[in-house]
Amino acid sequence: MTYFYSLLALTIGLVVPLQAAINHQLKAVIGHSTVLAALVSFSVGTLALFCIALATGQKLTALFELPKAEPWMLMGGLLGALFVFGTTLLAPKLGAATMLSLIITGQIIASMLFDRFGWLAMPIKEISWPRLLGAALVIIGVLLVNFGHEWFKAK
């Protein structure tokens, strides 16, 4: 099952630049508004999730328990909106590779902190030398993606 989840994570990563490019094209159609493009993207996603919930027999009455949630627990949607807005804004300015390499660097740093300290009930995983080396190699890769052409150009 780990292979399935790993493949799913890879697939999600593969579609992020596609999503950013699609939202950029949508933005051009709806008045060049990054906010409106992100709003449409989230609205379509919300509708899709609602249809999936219905199709899979989810008990929608469980949503009545939502008032029991702490307000900070609703921040996931806000963070998702920030991500969609940010990628729609940044992809045409930075390019997909630069944008995503920087996003991935931020994700690696934050993920290692969540793993190390178990924030928000995440399982604790020690930061080992191989994990630090892997993170360093990712950061080196980010530097090469963003500046390698300048460092290694023919003179």
C-alpha atoms as a PDB file:
ATOM      1  CA  MET A   1       0.000   0.000   0.000  1.00  0.00           C
ATOM      2  CA  THR A   2       2.975   2.322   0.619  1.00  0.00           C
ATOM      3  CA  TYR A   3       3.806   2.113  -3.104  1.00  0.00           C
ATOM      4  CA  PHE A   4       0.268   3.193  -3.996  1.00  0.00           C
ATOM      5  CA  TYR A   5       0.437   6.194  -1.674  1.00  0.00           C
ATOM      6  CA  SER A   6       3.897   7.082  -2.941  1.00  0.00           C
ATOM      7  CA  LEU A   7       2.665   6.933  -6.528  1.00  0.00           C
ATOM      8  CA  LEU A   8      -0.340   9.064  -5.580  1.00  0.00           C
ATOM      9  CA  ALA A   9       1.964  11.668  -3.973  1.00  0.00           C
ATOM     10  CA  LEU A  10       4.140  11.710  -7.104  1.00  0.00           C
ATOM     11  CA  THR A  11       1.047  12.122  -9.290  1.00  0.00           C
ATOM     12  CA  ILE A  12      -0.167  15.034  -7.168  1.00  0.00           C
ATOM     13  CA  GLY A  13       3.251  16.642  -7.581  1.00  0.00           C
ATOM     14  CA  LEU A  14       3.078  16.139 -11.336  1.00  0.00           C
ATOM     15  CA  VAL A  15      -0.239  17.970 -11.639  1.00  0.00           C
ATOM     16  CA  VAL A  16       0.752  21.091  -9.664  1.00  0.00           C
ATOM     17  CA  PRO A  17       2.458  22.788 -12.635  1.00  0.00           C
ATOM     18  CA  LEU A  18      -0.507  21.764 -14.804  1.00  0.00           C
ATOM     19  CA  GLN A  19      -2.890  23.377 -12.306  1.00  0.00           C
ATOM     20  CA  ALA A  20      -0.835  26.568 -12.235  1.00  0.00           C
ATOM     21  CA  ALA A  21      -0.756  26.748 -16.031  1.00  0.00           C
ATOM     22  CA  ILE A  22      -4.495  26.098 -16.325  1.00  0.00           C
ATOM     23  CA  ASN A  23      -5.275  28.756 -13.703  1.00  0.00           C
ATOM     24  CA  HIS A  24      -2.999  31.206 -15.515  1.00  0.00           C
ATOM     25  CA  GLN A  25      -4.970  30.647 -18.725  1.00  0.00           C
ATOM     26  CA  LEU A  26      -8.245  31.020 -16.825  1.00  0.00           C
ATOM     27  CA  LYS A  27      -6.974  34.282 -15.343  1.00  0.00           C
ATOM     28  CA  ALA A  28      -6.472  35.665 -18.861  1.00  0.00           C
ATOM     29  CA  VAL A  29     -10.087  34.847 -19.734  1.00  0.00           C
ATOM     30  CA  ILE A  30     -11.670  36.383 -16.614  1.00  0.00           C
ATOM     31  CA  GLY A  31     -10.179  39.834 -16.559  1.00  0.00           C
ATOM     32  CA  HIS A  32      -6.608  38.965 -15.557  1.00  0.00           C
ATOM     33  CA  SER A  33      -7.637  38.530 -11.936  1.00  0.00           C
ATOM     34  CA  THR A  34      -5.518  36.066  -9.980  1.00  0.00           C
ATOM     35  CA  VAL A  35      -8.033  36.180  -7.119  1.00  0.00           C
ATOM     36  CA  LEU A  36     -10.988  35.347  -9.386  1.00  0.00           C
ATOM     37  CA  ALA A  37      -9.060  32.542 -11.109  1.00  0.00           C
ATOM     38  CA  ALA A  38      -8.262  31.024  -7.706  1.00  0.00           C
ATOM     39  CA  LEU A  39     -11.900  31.475  -6.639  1.00  0.00           C
ATOM     40  CA  VAL A  40     -13.170  29.651  -9.735  1.00  0.00           C
ATOM     41  CA  SER A  41     -10.575  26.912  -9.247  1.00  0.00           C
ATOM     42  CA  PHE A  42     -11.630  26.395  -5.622  1.00  0.00           C
ATOM     43  CA  SER A  43     -15.325  26.526  -6.521  1.00  0.00           C
ATOM     44  CA  VAL A  44     -14.900  23.806  -9.148  1.00  0.00           C
ATOM     45  CA  GLY A  45     -12.881  21.782  -6.643  1.00  0.00           C
ATOM     46  CA  THR A  46     -15.549  22.220  -3.981  1.00  0.00           C
ATOM     47  CA  LEU A  47     -18.260  21.082  -6.377  1.00  0.00           C
ATOM     48  CA  ALA A  48     -16.158  18.074  -7.399  1.00  0.00           C
ATOM     49  CA  LEU A  49     -15.587  17.073  -3.768  1.00  0.00           C
ATOM     50  CA  PHE A  50     -19.304  17.446  -3.028  1.00  0.00           C
ATOM     51  CA  CYS A  51     -20.134  15.131  -5.955  1.00  0.00           C
ATOM     52  CA  ILE A  52     -17.498  12.619  -4.836  1.00  0.00           C
ATOM     53  CA  ALA A  53     -18.891  12.727  -1.285  1.00  0.00           C
ATOM     54  CA  LEU A  54     -22.370  11.983  -2.617  1.00  0.00           C
ATOM     55  CA  ALA A  55     -21.162   9.271  -4.992  1.00  0.00           C
ATOM     56  CA  THR A  56     -19.194   7.484  -2.270  1.00  0.00           C
ATOM     57  CA  GLY A  57     -22.006   7.594   0.282  1.00  0.00           C
ATOM     58  CA  GLN A  58     -20.379  10.014   2.716  1.00  0.00           C
ATOM     59  CA  LYS A  59     -22.696  11.046   5.525  1.00  0.00           C
ATOM     60  CA  LEU A  60     -23.118  14.745   4.851  1.00  0.00           C
ATOM     61  CA  THR A  61     -24.801  15.103   8.233  1.00  0.00           C
ATOM     62  CA  ALA A  62     -21.308  14.783   9.714  1.00  0.00           C
ATOM     63  CA  LEU A  63     -20.834  18.393   8.607  1.00  0.00           C
ATOM     64  CA  PHE A  64     -23.244  19.407  11.370  1.00  0.00           C
ATOM     65  CA  GLU A  65     -20.413  18.582  13.782  1.00  0.00           C
ATOM     66  CA  LEU A  66     -18.312  21.377  12.263  1.00  0.00           C
ATOM     67  CA  PRO A  67     -19.153  23.897  15.037  1.00  0.00           C
ATOM     68  CA  LYS A  68     -17.231  21.607  17.409  1.00  0.00           C
ATOM     69  CA  ALA A  69     -14.019  22.259  15.472  1.00  0.00           C
ATOM     70  CA  GLU A  70     -11.561  24.808  16.766  1.00  0.00           C
ATOM     71  CA  PRO A  71     -11.339  27.828  14.453  1.00  0.00           C
ATOM     72  CA  TRP A  72      -7.698  27.093  13.566  1.00  0.00           C
ATOM     73  CA  MET A  73      -8.816  23.693  12.201  1.00  0.00           C
ATOM     74  CA  LEU A  74     -10.546  25.514   9.347  1.00  0.00           C
ATOM     75  CA  MET A  75      -7.297  27.124   8.202  1.00  0.00           C
ATOM     76  CA  GLY A  76      -6.581  24.259   5.791  1.00  0.00           C
ATOM     77  CA  GLY A  77      -8.944  25.762   3.245  1.00  0.00           C
ATOM     78  CA  LEU A  78      -7.344  29.171   3.678  1.00  0.00           C
ATOM     79  CA  LEU A  79      -3.885  27.674   3.193  1.00  0.00           C
ATOM     80  CA  GLY A  80      -5.101  25.766   0.135  1.00  0.00           C
ATOM     81  CA  ALA A  81      -6.519  28.973  -1.310  1.00  0.00           C
ATOM     82  CA  LEU A  82      -3.211  30.714  -0.644  1.00  0.00           C
ATOM     83  CA  PHE A  83      -1.405  27.907  -2.470  1.00  0.00           C
ATOM     84  CA  VAL A  84      -3.695  28.076  -5.513  1.00  0.00           C
ATOM     85  CA  PHE A  85      -3.575  31.880  -5.550  1.00  0.00           C
ATOM     86  CA  GLY A  86       0.200  31.856  -5.122  1.00  0.00           C
ATOM     87  CA  THR A  87       0.882  29.355  -7.878  1.00  0.00           C
ATOM     88  CA  THR A  88      -1.473  31.194 -10.233  1.00  0.00           C
ATOM     89  CA  LEU A  89       0.366  34.440  -9.490  1.00  0.00           C
ATOM     90  CA  LEU A  90       3.929  33.087  -9.465  1.00  0.00           C
ATOM     91  CA  ALA A  91       4.027  30.501 -12.273  1.00  0.00           C
ATOM     92  CA  PRO A  92       3.991  33.050 -15.115  1.00  0.00           C
ATOM     93  CA  LYS A  93       6.436  35.319 -13.252  1.00  0.00           C
ATOM     94  CA  LEU A  94       9.003  32.741 -12.131  1.00  0.00           C
ATOM     95  CA  GLY A  95       8.322  29.787 -14.421  1.00  0.00           C
ATOM     96  CA  ALA A  96       7.040  26.423 -13.253  1.00  0.00           C
ATOM     97  CA  ALA A  97      10.420  24.891 -12.379  1.00  0.00           C
ATOM     98  CA  THR A  98      11.636  27.843 -10.312  1.00  0.00           C
ATOM     99  CA  MET A  99       8.311  28.253  -8.549  1.00  0.00           C
ATOM    100  CA  LEU A 100       7.956  24.589  -7.679  1.00  0.00           C
ATOM    101  CA  SER A 101      11.576  24.109  -6.669  1.00  0.00           C
ATOM    102  CA  LEU A 102      11.197  26.936  -4.158  1.00  0.00           C
ATOM    103  CA  ILE A 103       7.839  25.576  -2.960  1.00  0.00           C
ATOM    104  CA  ILE A 104       9.391  22.134  -2.524  1.00  0.00           C
ATOM    105  CA  THR A 105      12.266  23.634  -0.510  1.00  0.00           C
ATOM    106  CA  GLY A 106       9.775  25.288   1.816  1.00  0.00           C
ATOM    107  CA  GLN A 107       7.848  22.033   2.096  1.00  0.00           C
ATOM    108  CA  ILE A 108      10.984  20.046   2.950  1.00  0.00           C
ATOM    109  CA  ILE A 109      11.995  22.510   5.683  1.00  0.00           C
ATOM    110  CA  ALA A 110       8.504  22.707   7.217  1.00  0.00           C
ATOM    111  CA  SER A 111       7.934  18.946   6.908  1.00  0.00           C
ATOM    112  CA  MET A 112      11.141  18.117   8.729  1.00  0.00           C
ATOM    113  CA  LEU A 113      10.140  20.461  11.555  1.00  0.00           C
ATOM    114  CA  PHE A 114       6.661  18.877  11.757  1.00  0.00           C
ATOM    115  CA  ASP A 115       8.272  15.418  11.774  1.00  0.00           C
ATOM    116  CA  ARG A 116      10.837  16.359  14.411  1.00  0.00           C
ATOM    117  CA  PHE A 117       8.447  18.062  16.833  1.00  0.00           C
ATOM    118  CA  GLY A 118       5.198  16.223  16.054  1.00  0.00           C
ATOM    119  CA  TRP A 119       3.294  19.475  15.613  1.00  0.00           C
ATOM    120  CA  LEU A 120      -0.497  19.116  15.238  1.00  0.00           C
ATOM    121  CA  ALA A 121      -0.356  15.449  16.251  1.00  0.00           C
ATOM    122  CA  MET A 122       1.866  14.396  13.349  1.00  0.00           C
ATOM    123  CA  PRO A 123       3.963  11.301  14.061  1.00  0.00           C
ATOM    124  CA  ILE A 124       7.432  12.120  15.358  1.00  0.00           C
ATOM    125  CA  LYS A 125      10.324  11.109  13.111  1.00  0.00           C
ATOM    126  CA  GLU A 126      13.855  11.903  14.103  1.00  0.00           C
ATOM    127  CA  ILE A 127      15.978  14.082  11.865  1.00  0.00           C
ATOM    128  CA  SER A 128      18.802  11.748  10.887  1.00  0.00           C
ATOM    129  CA  TRP A 129      21.932  12.410   8.827  1.00  0.00           C
ATOM    130  CA  PRO A 130      20.449  10.702   5.756  1.00  0.00           C
ATOM    131  CA  ARG A 131      17.335  12.880   5.999  1.00  0.00           C
ATOM    132  CA  LEU A 132      19.432  16.030   6.423  1.00  0.00           C
ATOM    133  CA  LEU A 133      21.594  14.987   3.478  1.00  0.00           C
ATOM    134  CA  GLY A 134      18.472  14.404   1.385  1.00  0.00           C
ATOM    135  CA  ALA A 135      17.144  17.853   2.291  1.00  0.00           C
ATOM    136  CA  ALA A 136      20.524  19.404   1.471  1.00  0.00           C
ATOM    137  CA  LEU A 137      20.553  17.652  -1.912  1.00  0.00           C
ATOM    138  CA  VAL A 138      17.066  18.988  -2.645  1.00  0.00           C
ATOM    139  CA  ILE A 139      18.248  22.501  -1.770  1.00  0.00           C
ATOM    140  CA  ILE A 140      21.324  22.038  -3.981  1.00  0.00           C
ATOM    141  CA  GLY A 141      18.961  20.916  -6.744  1.00  0.00           C
ATOM    142  CA  VAL A 142      16.877  24.059  -6.226  1.00  0.00           C
ATOM    143  CA  LEU A 143      19.997  26.190  -6.536  1.00  0.00           C
ATOM    144  CA  LEU A 144      20.970  24.385  -9.746  1.00  0.00           C
ATOM    145  CA  VAL A 145      17.463  24.730 -11.209  1.00  0.00           C
ATOM    146  CA  ASN A 146      17.438  28.448 -10.441  1.00  0.00           C
ATOM    147  CA  PHE A 147      21.055  29.517 -10.921  1.00  0.00           C
ATOM    148  CA  GLY A 148      22.821  26.620 -12.650  1.00  0.00           C
ATOM    149  CA  HIS A 149      22.483  28.191 -16.087  1.00  0.00           C
ATOM    150  CA  GLU A 150      24.395  31.233 -14.834  1.00  0.00           C
ATOM    151  CA  TRP A 151      27.070  29.248 -13.027  1.00  0.00           C
ATOM    152  CA  PHE A 152      27.768  26.824 -15.852  1.00  0.00           C
ATOM    153  CA  LYS A 153      27.232  28.882 -18.981  1.00  0.00           C
ATOM    154  CA  ALA A 154      29.938  28.707 -21.603  1.00  0.00           C
ATOM    155  CA  LYS A 155      32.322  31.623 -21.563  1.00  0.00           C
END
